[in-house]
Structures are given as structure tokens and as C-alpha cells.
């Protein structure tokens, strides 16, 4: 969490929450790619 001075003090909970957010984003992106594979393949082959 950022303070007024601009330095960041992250608690262990903040670190765990950031890891969870990162993993959720990764899983959602992977699921989106799998669900729309035909679109991604078509764009890749343009």
C-alpha cells in the first residue's frame, strides 16, 4: 500500500493478495484464449 511519501510498505497479506490477483488474471486470460481459440488463430494467420 502506498503512503503519502510514495514509498510502499507491503504486508504479508498484501503480498498474498497480489499473488492471488496475478493468478486469477493469468487463469482468466488463459480461459479466454481457450474459449476464443478460433479467433486468436485467425488473427495470427492474417
Protein backbone atom coordinates (compact mmCIF):
# COMPACT_ATOMS: atom_id res chain seq x y z
CA UNK A 1 0.00 0.00 0.00
CA UNK A 2 1.45 3.39 -0.96
CA UNK A 3 1.98 6.06 1.65
CA UNK A 4 1.99 9.83 1.17
CA UNK A 5 5.76 9.82 0.67
CA UNK A 6 5.36 7.43 -2.25
CA UNK A 7 7.12 4.52 -0.56
CA UNK A 8 5.41 1.19 -0.49
CA UNK A 9 5.01 -0.94 2.60
CA UNK A 10 3.56 -4.32 1.76
CA UNK A 11 2.33 -6.60 4.49
CA UNK A 12 2.42 -10.37 4.07
CA UNK A 13 -1.34 -10.22 3.40
CA UNK A 14 -0.77 -7.65 0.63
CA UNK A 15 1.81 -9.97 -0.94
CA UNK A 16 -0.56 -12.95 -0.82
CA UNK A 17 -3.43 -10.90 -2.26
CA UNK A 18 -1.20 -9.70 -5.12
CA UNK A 19 -0.21 -13.30 -5.87
CA UNK A 20 -3.88 -14.30 -5.91
CA UNK A 21 -4.79 -11.40 -8.22
CA UNK A 22 -1.93 -12.28 -10.59
CA UNK A 23 -3.01 -15.94 -10.71
CA UNK A 24 -6.66 -15.01 -11.33
CA UNK A 25 -5.68 -12.72 -14.20
CA UNK A 26 -3.49 -15.47 -15.67
CA UNK A 27 -6.31 -18.03 -15.43
CA UNK A 28 -8.94 -15.71 -16.90
CA UNK A 29 -6.64 -14.82 -19.80
CA UNK A 30 -5.87 -18.49 -20.46
CA UNK A 31 -9.56 -19.38 -20.34
CA UNK A 32 -10.36 -16.52 -22.71
CA UNK A 33 -7.70 -17.71 -25.16
CA UNK A 34 -9.04 -21.27 -24.99
CA UNK A 35 -12.66 -20.16 -25.41
CA UNK A 36 -11.81 -17.96 -28.39
CA UNK A 37 -9.06 -20.09 -29.91
CA UNK A 38 -10.52 -19.85 -33.43
CA UNK A 39 -10.45 -16.03 -33.28
CA UNK A 40 -6.88 -15.93 -31.98
CA UNK A 41 -5.79 -18.41 -34.64
CA UNK A 42 -7.45 -16.34 -37.39
CA UNK A 43 -5.76 -13.16 -36.17
CA UNK A 44 -2.41 -14.93 -36.00
CA UNK A 45 -2.76 -16.08 -39.61
CA UNK A 46 -3.69 -12.69 -41.09
